[in-house]
Amino acid sequence: MKNLEACLERVHAFARERIKLASERMKTRYYSRATDHYFTEGDVVWMYNPKRRRGLSPKLQQNWEGSYTVVKKLNDVVYRVQRSPNAKPKVIHINRLAPCKSTDHNSI
């Protein structure tokens, strides 16, 4: 009986250690891809806005709209963006924004 208890304790300790290692790996992987960009007023961004259209596969639909300009940072994770100077501003969470990198189409 004592042998079985000792064996189960060793196995349990081993499992706890492996779970801890897996948790650390997942944490590292998550933080490597987590949002680390922040925007300032005047930055140009894309906004994630998925729309479901009939007759078109979701894979083929455009989920990102742009370009929007950051009008104001309301707090650490919420921004007010605007498509054009005459358009109505929208309040958007940072998870739905991505930096808009301009491409020079004249060089093609």
PDB file of N, CA and C in Angstrom:
ATOM      1  N   MET A   1       0.822  -1.193   0.000  1.00  0.00           N
ATOM      2  CA  MET A   1       0.000   0.000   0.000  1.00  0.00           C
ATOM      3  C   MET A   1       0.866   1.257   0.000  1.00  0.00           C
ATOM      4  N   LYS A   2       1.926   1.245   0.850  1.00  0.00           N
ATOM      5  CA  LYS A   2       2.830   2.397   0.936  1.00  0.00           C
ATOM      6  C   LYS A   2       3.554   2.599  -0.396  1.00  0.00           C
ATOM      7  N   ASN A   3       3.905   1.489  -1.049  1.00  0.00           N
ATOM      8  CA  ASN A   3       4.569   1.558  -2.361  1.00  0.00           C
ATOM      9  C   ASN A   3       3.659   2.247  -3.380  1.00  0.00           C
ATOM     10  N   LEU A   4       2.412   1.877  -3.386  1.00  0.00           N
ATOM     11  CA  LEU A   4       1.448   2.450  -4.319  1.00  0.00           C
ATOM     12  C   LEU A   4       1.265   3.948  -4.050  1.00  0.00           C
ATOM     13  N   GLU A   5       1.174   4.332  -2.764  1.00  0.00           N
ATOM     14  CA  GLU A   5       1.037   5.749  -2.421  1.00  0.00           C
ATOM     15  C   GLU A   5       2.246   6.554  -2.900  1.00  0.00           C
ATOM     16  N   ALA A   6       3.433   6.040  -2.692  1.00  0.00           N
ATOM     17  CA  ALA A   6       4.657   6.727  -3.105  1.00  0.00           C
ATOM     18  C   ALA A   6       4.709   6.858  -4.626  1.00  0.00           C
ATOM     19  N   CYS A   7       4.337   5.800  -5.303  1.00  0.00           N
ATOM     20  CA  CYS A   7       4.322   5.812  -6.761  1.00  0.00           C
ATOM     21  C   CYS A   7       3.323   6.842  -7.287  1.00  0.00           C
ATOM     22  N   LEU A   8       2.118   6.872  -6.699  1.00  0.00           N
ATOM     23  CA  LEU A   8       1.103   7.837  -7.120  1.00  0.00           C
ATOM     24  C   LEU A   8       1.546   9.272  -6.844  1.00  0.00           C
ATOM     25  N   GLU A   9       2.229   9.498  -5.730  1.00  0.00           N
ATOM     26  CA  GLU A   9       2.734  10.834  -5.424  1.00  0.00           C
ATOM     27  C   GLU A   9       3.771  11.276  -6.450  1.00  0.00           C
ATOM     28  N   ARG A  10       4.667  10.380  -6.839  1.00  0.00           N
ATOM     29  CA  ARG A  10       5.678  10.704  -7.856  1.00  0.00           C
ATOM     30  C   ARG A  10       5.018  11.032  -9.196  1.00  0.00           C
ATOM     31  N   VAL A  11       4.040  10.220  -9.573  1.00  0.00           N
ATOM     32  CA  VAL A  11       3.344  10.448 -10.838  1.00  0.00           C
ATOM     33  C   VAL A  11       2.586  11.775 -10.793  1.00  0.00           C
ATOM     34  N   HIS A  12       1.964  12.050  -9.663  1.00  0.00           N
ATOM     35  CA  HIS A  12       1.216  13.297  -9.512  1.00  0.00           C
ATOM     36  C   HIS A  12       2.150  14.511  -9.591  1.00  0.00           C
ATOM     37  N   ALA A  13       3.298  14.431  -8.946  1.00  0.00           N
ATOM     38  CA  ALA A  13       4.274  15.525  -8.987  1.00  0.00           C
ATOM     39  C   ALA A  13       4.794  15.716 -10.415  1.00  0.00           C
ATOM     40  N   PHE A  14       5.042  14.624 -11.112  1.00  0.00           N
ATOM     41  CA  PHE A  14       5.502  14.687 -12.494  1.00  0.00           C
ATOM     42  C   PHE A  14       4.450  15.357 -13.382  1.00  0.00           C
ATOM     43  N   ALA A  15       3.198  14.976 -13.204  1.00  0.00           N
ATOM     44  CA  ALA A  15       2.111  15.562 -13.995  1.00  0.00           C
ATOM     45  C   ALA A  15       1.978  17.061 -13.714  1.00  0.00           C
ATOM     46  N   ARG A  16       2.082  17.442 -12.429  1.00  0.00           N
ATOM     47  CA  ARG A  16       2.017  18.866 -12.083  1.00  0.00           C
ATOM     48  C   ARG A  16       3.129  19.661 -12.764  1.00  0.00           C
ATOM     49  N   GLU A  17       4.320  19.107 -12.770  1.00  0.00           N
ATOM     50  CA  GLU A  17       5.470  19.772 -13.408  1.00  0.00           C
ATOM     51  C   GLU A  17       5.256  19.917 -14.908  1.00  0.00           C
ATOM     52  N   ARG A  18       4.752  18.873 -15.546  1.00  0.00           N
ATOM     53  CA  ARG A  18       4.510  18.929 -16.999  1.00  0.00           C
ATOM     54  C   ARG A  18       3.405  19.943 -17.335  1.00  0.00           C
ATOM     55  N   ILE A  19       2.372  20.019 -16.496  1.00  0.00           N
ATOM     56  CA  ILE A  19       1.302  20.990 -16.716  1.00  0.00           C
ATOM     57  C   ILE A  19       1.854  22.410 -16.578  1.00  0.00           C
ATOM     58  N   LYS A  20       2.717  22.624 -15.602  1.00  0.00           N
ATOM     59  CA  LYS A  20       3.327  23.934 -15.401  1.00  0.00           C
ATOM     60  C   LYS A  20       4.174  24.323 -16.616  1.00  0.00           C
ATOM     61  N   LEU A  21       4.963  23.397 -17.142  1.00  0.00           N
ATOM     62  CA  LEU A  21       5.776  23.675 -18.319  1.00  0.00           C
ATOM     63  C   LEU A  21       4.908  24.001 -19.536  1.00  0.00           C
ATOM     64  N   ALA A  22       3.846  23.239 -19.734  1.00  0.00           N
ATOM     65  CA  ALA A  22       2.941  23.485 -20.858  1.00  0.00           C
ATOM     66  C   ALA A  22       2.285  24.854 -20.711  1.00  0.00           C
ATOM     67  N   SER A  23       1.905  25.210 -19.499  1.00  0.00           N
ATOM     68  CA  SER A  23       1.296  26.508 -19.244  1.00  0.00           C
ATOM     69  C   SER A  23       2.263  27.641 -19.578  1.00  0.00           C
ATOM     70  N   GLU A  24       3.509  27.499 -19.196  1.00  0.00           N
ATOM     71  CA  GLU A  24       4.526  28.511 -19.505  1.00  0.00           C
ATOM     72  C   GLU A  24       4.720  28.650 -21.013  1.00  0.00           C
ATOM     73  N   ARG A  25       4.735  27.528 -21.731  1.00  0.00           N
ATOM     74  CA  ARG A  25       4.881  27.565 -23.189  1.00  0.00           C
ATOM     75  C   ARG A  25       3.701  28.279 -23.833  1.00  0.00           C
ATOM     76  N   MET A  26       2.477  27.967 -23.364  1.00  0.00           N
ATOM     77  CA  MET A  26       1.284  28.621 -23.914  1.00  0.00           C
ATOM     78  C   MET A  26       1.309  30.124 -23.625  1.00  0.00           C
ATOM     79  N   LYS A  27       1.740  30.493 -22.423  1.00  0.00           N
ATOM     80  CA  LYS A  27       1.819  31.909 -22.064  1.00  0.00           C
ATOM     81  C   LYS A  27       2.809  32.637 -22.964  1.00  0.00           C
ATOM     82  N   THR A  28       3.968  32.044 -23.184  1.00  0.00           N
ATOM     83  CA  THR A  28       4.976  32.650 -24.051  1.00  0.00           C
ATOM     84  C   THR A  28       4.450  32.800 -25.470  1.00  0.00           C
ATOM     85  N   ARG A  29       3.797  31.774 -25.975  1.00  0.00           N
ATOM     86  CA  ARG A  29       3.252  31.815 -27.332  1.00  0.00           C
ATOM     87  C   ARG A  29       2.152  32.871 -27.451  1.00  0.00           C
ATOM     88  N   TYR A  30       1.312  32.980 -26.430  1.00  0.00           N
ATOM     89  CA  TYR A  30       0.242  33.979 -26.450  1.00  0.00           C
ATOM     90  C   TYR A  30       0.824  35.385 -26.486  1.00  0.00           C
ATOM     91  N   TYR A  31       1.765  35.670 -25.590  1.00  0.00           N
ATOM     92  CA  TYR A  31       2.320  37.023 -25.511  1.00  0.00           C
ATOM     93  C   TYR A  31       3.143  37.385 -26.729  1.00  0.00           C
ATOM     94  N   SER A  32       3.670  36.389 -27.443  1.00  0.00           N
ATOM     95  CA  SER A  32       4.442  36.704 -28.646  1.00  0.00           C
ATOM     96  C   SER A  32       3.534  37.236 -29.748  1.00  0.00           C
ATOM     97  N   ARG A  33       2.243  36.864 -29.720  1.00  0.00           N
ATOM     98  CA  ARG A  33       1.307  37.323 -30.745  1.00  0.00           C
ATOM     99  C   ARG A  33       0.286  38.328 -30.220  1.00  0.00           C
ATOM    100  N   ALA A  34       0.358  38.661 -28.946  1.00  0.00           N
ATOM    101  CA  ALA A  34      -0.618  39.590 -28.354  1.00  0.00           C
ATOM    102  C   ALA A  34      -0.423  40.992 -28.923  1.00  0.00           C
ATOM    103  N   THR A  35      -1.464  41.774 -28.877  1.00  0.00           N
ATOM    104  CA  THR A  35      -1.417  43.140 -29.397  1.00  0.00           C
ATOM    105  C   THR A  35      -0.385  43.945 -28.625  1.00  0.00           C
ATOM    106  N   ASP A  36       0.615  44.418 -29.332  1.00  0.00           N
ATOM    107  CA  ASP A  36       1.613  45.250 -28.677  1.00  0.00           C
ATOM    108  C   ASP A  36       1.725  46.601 -29.382  1.00  0.00           C
ATOM    109  N   HIS A  37       0.771  46.912 -30.233  1.00  0.00           N
ATOM    110  CA  HIS A  37       0.814  48.200 -30.907  1.00  0.00           C
ATOM    111  C   HIS A  37      -0.235  49.137 -30.306  1.00  0.00           C
ATOM    112  N   TYR A  38       0.139  50.369 -30.239  1.00  0.00           N
ATOM    113  CA  TYR A  38      -0.763  51.402 -29.751  1.00  0.00           C
ATOM    114  C   TYR A  38      -0.769  52.515 -30.774  1.00  0.00           C
ATOM    115  N   PHE A  39      -1.848  53.246 -30.838  1.00  0.00           N
ATOM    116  CA  PHE A  39      -2.011  54.252 -31.864  1.00  0.00           C
ATOM    117  C   PHE A  39      -2.054  55.644 -31.248  1.00  0.00           C
ATOM    118  N   THR A  40      -1.669  56.618 -32.045  1.00  0.00           N
ATOM    119  CA  THR A  40      -1.755  58.011 -31.630  1.00  0.00           C
ATOM    120  C   THR A  40      -2.691  58.729 -32.589  1.00  0.00           C
ATOM    121  N   GLU A  41      -3.105  59.917 -32.224  1.00  0.00           N
ATOM    122  CA  GLU A  41      -4.011  60.688 -33.070  1.00  0.00           C
ATOM    123  C   GLU A  41      -3.359  60.933 -34.424  1.00  0.00           C
ATOM    124  N   GLY A  42      -4.142  60.685 -35.477  1.00  0.00           N
ATOM    125  CA  GLY A  42      -3.645  60.881 -36.833  1.00  0.00           C
ATOM    126  C   GLY A  42      -3.137  59.619 -37.496  1.00  0.00           C
ATOM    127  N   ASP A  43      -2.954  58.533 -36.737  1.00  0.00           N
ATOM    128  CA  ASP A  43      -2.513  57.264 -37.322  1.00  0.00           C
ATOM    129  C   ASP A  43      -3.590  56.712 -38.250  1.00  0.00           C
ATOM    130  N   VAL A  44      -3.151  56.036 -39.305  1.00  0.00           N
ATOM    131  CA  VAL A  44      -4.082  55.414 -40.248  1.00  0.00           C
ATOM    132  C   VAL A  44      -4.177  53.936 -39.901  1.00  0.00           C
ATOM    133  N   VAL A  45      -5.416  53.426 -39.768  1.00  0.00           N
ATOM    134  CA  VAL A  45      -5.630  52.045 -39.319  1.00  0.00           C
ATOM    135  C   VAL A  45      -6.677  51.344 -40.178  1.00  0.00           C
ATOM    136  N   TRP A  46      -6.677  50.016 -40.103  1.00  0.00           N
ATOM    137  CA  TRP A  46      -7.734  49.170 -40.662  1.00  0.00           C
ATOM    138  C   TRP A  46      -8.662  48.803 -39.515  1.00  0.00           C
ATOM    139  N   MET A  47      -9.944  48.623 -39.817  1.00  0.00           N
ATOM    140  CA  MET A  47     -10.909  48.218 -38.796  1.00  0.00           C
ATOM    141  C   MET A  47     -11.504  46.862 -39.175  1.00  0.00           C
ATOM    142  N   TYR A  48     -11.516  45.939 -38.217  1.00  0.00           N
ATOM    143  CA  TYR A  48     -12.093  44.613 -38.428  1.00  0.00           C
ATOM    144  C   TYR A  48     -13.602  44.723 -38.300  1.00  0.00           C
ATOM    145  N   ASN A  49     -14.309  44.397 -39.377  1.00  0.00           N
ATOM    146  CA  ASN A  49     -15.763  44.488 -39.382  1.00  0.00           C
ATOM    147  C   ASN A  49     -16.318  43.393 -40.297  1.00  0.00           C
ATOM    148  N   PRO A  50     -16.402  42.147 -39.801  1.00  0.00           N
ATOM    149  CA  PRO A  50     -16.881  41.064 -40.655  1.00  0.00           C
ATOM    150  C   PRO A  50     -18.359  41.222 -40.987  1.00  0.00           C
ATOM    151  N   LYS A  51     -18.695  40.994 -42.244  1.00  0.00           N
ATOM    152  CA  LYS A  51     -20.087  41.064 -42.694  1.00  0.00           C
ATOM    153  C   LYS A  51     -20.420  39.753 -43.388  1.00  0.00           C
ATOM    154  N   ARG A  52     -21.590  39.250 -43.141  1.00  0.00           N
ATOM    155  CA  ARG A  52     -22.038  38.025 -43.793  1.00  0.00           C
ATOM    156  C   ARG A  52     -22.866  38.387 -45.018  1.00  0.00           C
ATOM    157  N   ARG A  53     -22.402  37.980 -46.183  1.00  0.00           N
ATOM    158  CA  ARG A  53     -23.150  38.222 -47.411  1.00  0.00           C
ATOM    159  C   ARG A  53     -23.608  36.890 -47.975  1.00  0.00           C
ATOM    160  N   ARG A  54     -24.849  36.833 -48.390  1.00  0.00           N
ATOM    161  CA  ARG A  54     -25.385  35.593 -48.961  1.00  0.00           C
ATOM    162  C   ARG A  54     -24.712  35.295 -50.287  1.00  0.00           C
ATOM    163  N   GLY A  55     -24.494  34.013 -50.512  1.00  0.00           N
ATOM    164  CA  GLY A  55     -23.959  33.575 -51.790  1.00  0.00           C
ATOM    165  C   GLY A  55     -22.453  33.690 -51.906  1.00  0.00           C
ATOM    166  N   LEU A  56     -21.766  34.127 -50.859  1.00  0.00           N
ATOM    167  CA  LEU A  56     -20.312  34.255 -50.889  1.00  0.00           C
ATOM    168  C   LEU A  56     -19.742  33.570 -49.653  1.00  0.00           C
ATOM    169  N   SER A  57     -18.772  32.713 -49.878  1.00  0.00           N
ATOM    170  CA  SER A  57     -18.152  31.990 -48.772  1.00  0.00           C
ATOM    171  C   SER A  57     -17.541  32.973 -47.773  1.00  0.00           C
ATOM    172  N   PRO A  58     -17.673  32.696 -46.470  1.00  0.00           N
ATOM    173  CA  PRO A  58     -17.059  33.587 -45.471  1.00  0.00           C
ATOM    174  C   PRO A  58     -15.550  33.747 -45.670  1.00  0.00           C
ATOM    175  N   LYS A  59     -14.909  32.722 -46.224  1.00  0.00           N
ATOM    176  CA  LYS A  59     -13.466  32.805 -46.456  1.00  0.00           C
ATOM    177  C   LYS A  59     -13.119  33.866 -47.495  1.00  0.00           C
ATOM    178  N   LEU A  60     -14.035  34.144 -48.397  1.00  0.00           N
ATOM    179  CA  LEU A  60     -13.761  35.071 -49.484  1.00  0.00           C
ATOM    180  C   LEU A  60     -14.245  36.492 -49.202  1.00  0.00           C
ATOM    181  N   GLN A  61     -14.853  36.705 -48.055  1.00  0.00           N
ATOM    182  CA  GLN A  61     -15.386  38.032 -47.738  1.00  0.00           C
ATOM    183  C   GLN A  61     -14.295  38.917 -47.139  1.00  0.00           C
ATOM    184  N   GLN A  62     -14.436  40.207 -47.388  1.00  0.00           N
ATOM    185  CA  GLN A  62     -13.500  41.189 -46.831  1.00  0.00           C
ATOM    186  C   GLN A  62     -13.902  41.490 -45.395  1.00  0.00           C
ATOM    187  N   ASN A  63     -13.051  41.170 -44.442  1.00  0.00           N
ATOM    188  CA  ASN A  63     -13.367  41.418 -43.042  1.00  0.00           C
ATOM    189  C   ASN A  63     -12.774  42.723 -42.521  1.00  0.00           C
ATOM    190  N   TRP A  64     -11.822  43.291 -43.233  1.00  0.00           N
ATOM    191  CA  TRP A  64     -11.168  44.519 -42.796  1.00  0.00           C
ATOM    192  C   TRP A  64     -11.587  45.679 -43.676  1.00  0.00           C
ATOM    193  N   GLU A  65     -11.949  46.787 -43.051  1.00  0.00           N
ATOM    194  CA  GLU A  65     -12.332  48.004 -43.758  1.00  0.00           C
ATOM    195  C   GLU A  65     -11.258  49.055 -43.515  1.00  0.00           C
ATOM    196  N   GLY A  66     -11.062  49.892 -44.476  1.00  0.00           N
ATOM    197  CA  GLY A  66     -10.089  50.955 -44.231  1.00  0.00           C
ATOM    198  C   GLY A  66     -10.012  51.882 -45.408  1.00  0.00           C
ATOM    199  N   SER A  67      -9.340  52.836 -45.248  1.00  0.00           N
ATOM    200  CA  SER A  67      -8.536  53.198 -44.096  1.00  0.00           C
ATOM    201  C   SER A  67      -9.273  54.212 -43.219  1.00  0.00           C
ATOM    202  N   TYR A  68      -9.043  54.102 -41.914  1.00  0.00           N
ATOM    203  CA  TYR A  68      -9.630  54.997 -40.924  1.00  0.00           C
ATOM    204  C   TYR A  68      -8.497  55.791 -40.284  1.00  0.00           C
ATOM    205  N   THR A  69      -8.833  56.949 -39.774  1.00  0.00           N
ATOM    206  CA  THR A  69      -7.866  57.785 -39.073  1.00  0.00           C
ATOM    207  C   THR A  69      -8.250  57.835 -37.598  1.00  0.00           C
ATOM    208  N   VAL A  70      -7.250  57.660 -36.733  1.00  0.00           N
ATOM    209  CA  VAL A  70      -7.499  57.743 -35.292  1.00  0.00           C
ATOM    210  C   VAL A  70      -7.728  59.208 -34.939  1.00  0.00           C
ATOM    211  N   VAL A  71      -8.909  59.478 -34.382  1.00  0.00           N
ATOM    212  CA  VAL A  71      -9.271  60.846 -34.004  1.00  0.00           C
ATOM    213  C   VAL A  71      -8.832  61.123 -32.569  1.00  0.00           C
ATOM    214  N   LYS A  72      -9.083  60.137 -31.678  1.00  0.00           N
ATOM    215  CA  LYS A  72      -8.765  60.346 -30.266  1.00  0.00           C
ATOM    216  C   LYS A  72      -8.597  59.015 -29.559  1.00  0.00           C
ATOM    217  N   LYS A  73      -7.684  58.972 -28.604  1.00  0.00           N
ATOM    218  CA  LYS A  73      -7.523  57.804 -27.738  1.00  0.00           C
ATOM    219  C   LYS A  73      -8.371  58.049 -26.498  1.00  0.00           C
ATOM    220  N   LEU A  74      -9.417  57.240 -26.323  1.00  0.00           N
ATOM    221  CA  LEU A  74     -10.336  57.458 -25.201  1.00  0.00           C
ATOM    222  C   LEU A  74      -9.804  56.868 -23.905  1.00  0.00           C
ATOM    223  N   ASN A  75      -9.174  55.703 -23.974  1.00  0.00           N
ATOM    224  CA  ASN A  75      -8.451  55.130 -22.833  1.00  0.00           C
ATOM    225  C   ASN A  75      -7.397  54.178 -23.399  1.00  0.00           C
ATOM    226  N   ASP A  76      -6.857  53.295 -22.597  1.00  0.00           N
ATOM    227  CA  ASP A  76      -5.763  52.437 -23.056  1.00  0.00           C
ATOM    228  C   ASP A  76      -6.143  51.535 -24.223  1.00  0.00           C
ATOM    229  N   VAL A  77      -7.401  51.110 -24.300  1.00  0.00           N
ATOM    230  CA  VAL A  77      -7.781  50.129 -25.316  1.00  0.00           C
ATOM    231  C   VAL A  77      -8.930  50.566 -26.217  1.00  0.00           C
ATOM    232  N   VAL A  78      -9.453  51.762 -26.032  1.00  0.00           N
ATOM    233  CA  VAL A  78     -10.587  52.225 -26.831  1.00  0.00           C
ATOM    234  C   VAL A  78     -10.196  53.502 -27.578  1.00  0.00           C
ATOM    235  N   TYR A  79     -10.504  53.490 -28.894  1.00  0.00           N
ATOM    236  CA  TYR A  79     -10.150  54.621 -29.755  1.00  0.00           C
ATOM    237  C   TYR A  79     -11.378  55.108 -30.514  1.00  0.00           C
ATOM    238  N   ARG A  80     -11.363  56.391 -30.865  1.00  0.00           N
ATOM    239  CA  ARG A  80     -12.378  56.951 -31.750  1.00  0.00           C
ATOM    240  C   ARG A  80     -11.714  57.106 -33.113  1.00  0.00           C
ATOM    241  N   VAL A  81     -12.313  56.469 -34.144  1.00  0.00           N
ATOM    242  CA  VAL A  81     -11.761  56.519 -35.495  1.00  0.00           C
ATOM    243  C   VAL A  81     -12.800  57.101 -36.445  1.00  0.00           C
ATOM    244  N   GLN A  82     -12.306  57.620 -37.572  1.00  0.00           N
ATOM    245  CA  GLN A  82     -13.190  58.254 -38.540  1.00  0.00           C
ATOM    246  C   GLN A  82     -12.674  57.949 -39.939  1.00  0.00           C
ATOM    247  N   ARG A  83     -13.588  57.588 -40.833  1.00  0.00           N
ATOM    248  CA  ARG A  83     -13.212  57.212 -42.201  1.00  0.00           C
ATOM    249  C   ARG A  83     -12.809  58.429 -43.023  1.00  0.00           C
ATOM    250  N   SER A  84     -13.569  59.517 -42.932  1.00  0.00           N
ATOM    251  CA  SER A  84     -13.253  60.758 -43.631  1.00  0.00           C
ATOM    252  C   SER A  84     -13.679  61.916 -42.737  1.00  0.00           C
ATOM    253  N   PRO A  85     -13.254  63.131 -43.042  1.00  0.00           N
ATOM    254  CA  PRO A  85     -13.603  64.258 -42.167  1.00  0.00           C
ATOM    255  C   PRO A  85     -15.113  64.475 -42.021  1.00  0.00           C
ATOM    256  N   ASN A  86     -15.905  64.084 -43.030  1.00  0.00           N
ATOM    257  CA  ASN A  86     -17.354  64.288 -42.960  1.00  0.00           C
ATOM    258  C   ASN A  86     -18.105  63.094 -42.384  1.00  0.00           C
ATOM    259  N   ALA A  87     -17.422  61.952 -42.223  1.00  0.00           N
ATOM    260  CA  ALA A  87     -18.078  60.724 -41.745  1.00  0.00           C
ATOM    261  C   ALA A  87     -18.279  60.778 -40.233  1.00  0.00           C
ATOM    262  N   LYS A  88     -19.237  59.983 -39.768  1.00  0.00           N
ATOM    263  CA  LYS A  88     -19.516  59.891 -38.331  1.00  0.00           C
ATOM    264  C   LYS A  88     -18.409  59.073 -37.662  1.00  0.00           C
ATOM    265  N   PRO A  89     -17.813  59.566 -36.578  1.00  0.00           N
ATOM    266  CA  PRO A  89     -16.754  58.802 -35.899  1.00  0.00           C
ATOM    267  C   PRO A  89     -17.312  57.551 -35.217  1.00  0.00           C
ATOM    268  N   LYS A  90     -16.451  56.525 -35.108  1.00  0.00           N
ATOM    269  CA  LYS A  90     -16.827  55.273 -34.442  1.00  0.00           C
ATOM    270  C   LYS A  90     -15.891  55.036 -33.270  1.00  0.00           C
ATOM    271  N   VAL A  91     -16.424  54.441 -32.219  1.00  0.00           N
ATOM    272  CA  VAL A  91     -15.629  54.082 -31.047  1.00  0.00           C
ATOM    273  C   VAL A  91     -15.332  52.584 -31.152  1.00  0.00           C
ATOM    274  N   ILE A  92     -14.044  52.248 -31.199  1.00  0.00           N
ATOM    275  CA  ILE A  92     -13.615  50.875 -31.493  1.00  0.00           C
ATOM    276  C   ILE A  92     -12.562  50.419 -30.484  1.00  0.00           C
ATOM    277  N   HIS A  93     -12.650  49.143 -30.087  1.00  0.00           N
ATOM    278  CA  HIS A  93     -11.654  48.529 -29.214  1.00  0.00           C
ATOM    279  C   HIS A  93     -10.391  48.242 -30.014  1.00  0.00           C
ATOM    280  N   ILE A  94      -9.240  48.295 -29.363  1.00  0.00           N
ATOM    281  CA  ILE A  94      -7.956  48.114 -30.037  1.00  0.00           C
ATOM    282  C   ILE A  94      -7.829  46.744 -30.709  1.00  0.00           C
ATOM    283  N   ASN A  95      -8.538  45.730 -30.184  1.00  0.00           N
ATOM    284  CA  ASN A  95      -8.466  44.393 -30.788  1.00  0.00           C
ATOM    285  C   ASN A  95      -9.049  44.373 -32.197  1.00  0.00           C
ATOM    286  N   ARG A  96      -9.858  45.358 -32.548  1.00  0.00           N
ATOM    287  CA  ARG A  96     -10.460  45.408 -33.882  1.00  0.00           C
ATOM    288  C   ARG A  96      -9.731  46.371 -34.805  1.00  0.00           C
ATOM    289  N   LEU A  97      -8.557  46.842 -34.394  1.00  0.00           N
ATOM    290  CA  LEU A  97      -7.775  47.769 -35.203  1.00  0.00           C
ATOM    291  C   LEU A  97      -6.427  47.158 -35.554  1.00  0.00           C
ATOM    292  N   ALA A  98      -5.942  47.505 -36.731  1.00  0.00           N
ATOM    293  CA  ALA A  98      -4.612  47.070 -37.166  1.00  0.00           C
ATOM    294  C   ALA A  98      -3.936  48.230 -37.869  1.00  0.00           C
ATOM    295  N   PRO A  99      -2.627  48.364 -37.709  1.00  0.00           N
ATOM    296  CA  PRO A  99      -1.946  49.463 -38.384  1.00  0.00           C
ATOM    297  C   PRO A  99      -2.050  49.320 -39.899  1.00  0.00           C
ATOM    298  N   CYS A 100      -2.260  50.429 -40.566  1.00  0.00           N
ATOM    299  CA  CYS A 100      -2.369  50.440 -42.021  1.00  0.00           C
ATOM    300  C   CYS A 100      -1.020  50.840 -42.594  1.00  0.00           C
ATOM    301  N   LYS A 101      -0.371  49.912 -43.234  1.00  0.00           N
ATOM    302  CA  LYS A 101       0.922  50.202 -43.845  1.00  0.00           C
ATOM    303  C   LYS A 101       0.675  50.581 -45.293  1.00  0.00           C
ATOM    304  N   SER A 102       1.074  51.775 -45.647  1.00  0.00           N
ATOM    305  CA  SER A 102       0.836  52.235 -47.017  1.00  0.00           C
ATOM    306  C   SER A 102       1.792  51.535 -47.961  1.00  0.00           C
ATOM    307  N   THR A 103       1.285  51.248 -49.156  1.00  0.00           N
ATOM    308  CA  THR A 103       2.107  50.632 -50.193  1.00  0.00           C
ATOM    309  C   THR A 103       2.143  51.562 -51.376  1.00  0.00           C
ATOM    310  N   ASP A 104       3.279  51.637 -52.005  1.00  0.00           N
ATOM    311  CA  ASP A 104       3.451  52.508 -53.150  1.00  0.00           C
ATOM    312  C   ASP A 104       3.106  51.715 -54.403  1.00  0.00           C
ATOM    313  N   HIS A 105       1.922  51.970 -54.978  1.00  0.00           N
ATOM    314  CA  HIS A 105       1.469  51.216 -56.155  1.00  0.00           C
ATOM    315  C   HIS A 105       2.096  51.728 -57.445  1.00  0.00           C
ATOM    316  N   ASN A 106       2.750  52.866 -57.387  1.00  0.00           N
ATOM    317  CA  ASN A 106       3.364  53.426 -58.594  1.00  0.00           C
ATOM    318  C   ASN A 106       4.609  52.659 -59.013  1.00  0.00           C
ATOM    319  N   SER A 107       5.240  51.960 -58.061  1.00  0.00           N
ATOM    320  CA  SER A 107       6.489  51.262 -58.379  1.00  0.00           C
ATOM    321  C   SER A 107       6.247  49.918 -59.047  1.00  0.00           C
ATOM    322  N   ILE A 108       5.010  49.479 -59.187  1.00  0.00           N
ATOM    323  CA  ILE A 108       4.725  48.168 -59.769  1.00  0.00           C
ATOM    324  C   ILE A 108       4.805  48.213 -61.258  1.00  0.00           C
TER     325      ILE A 108
END
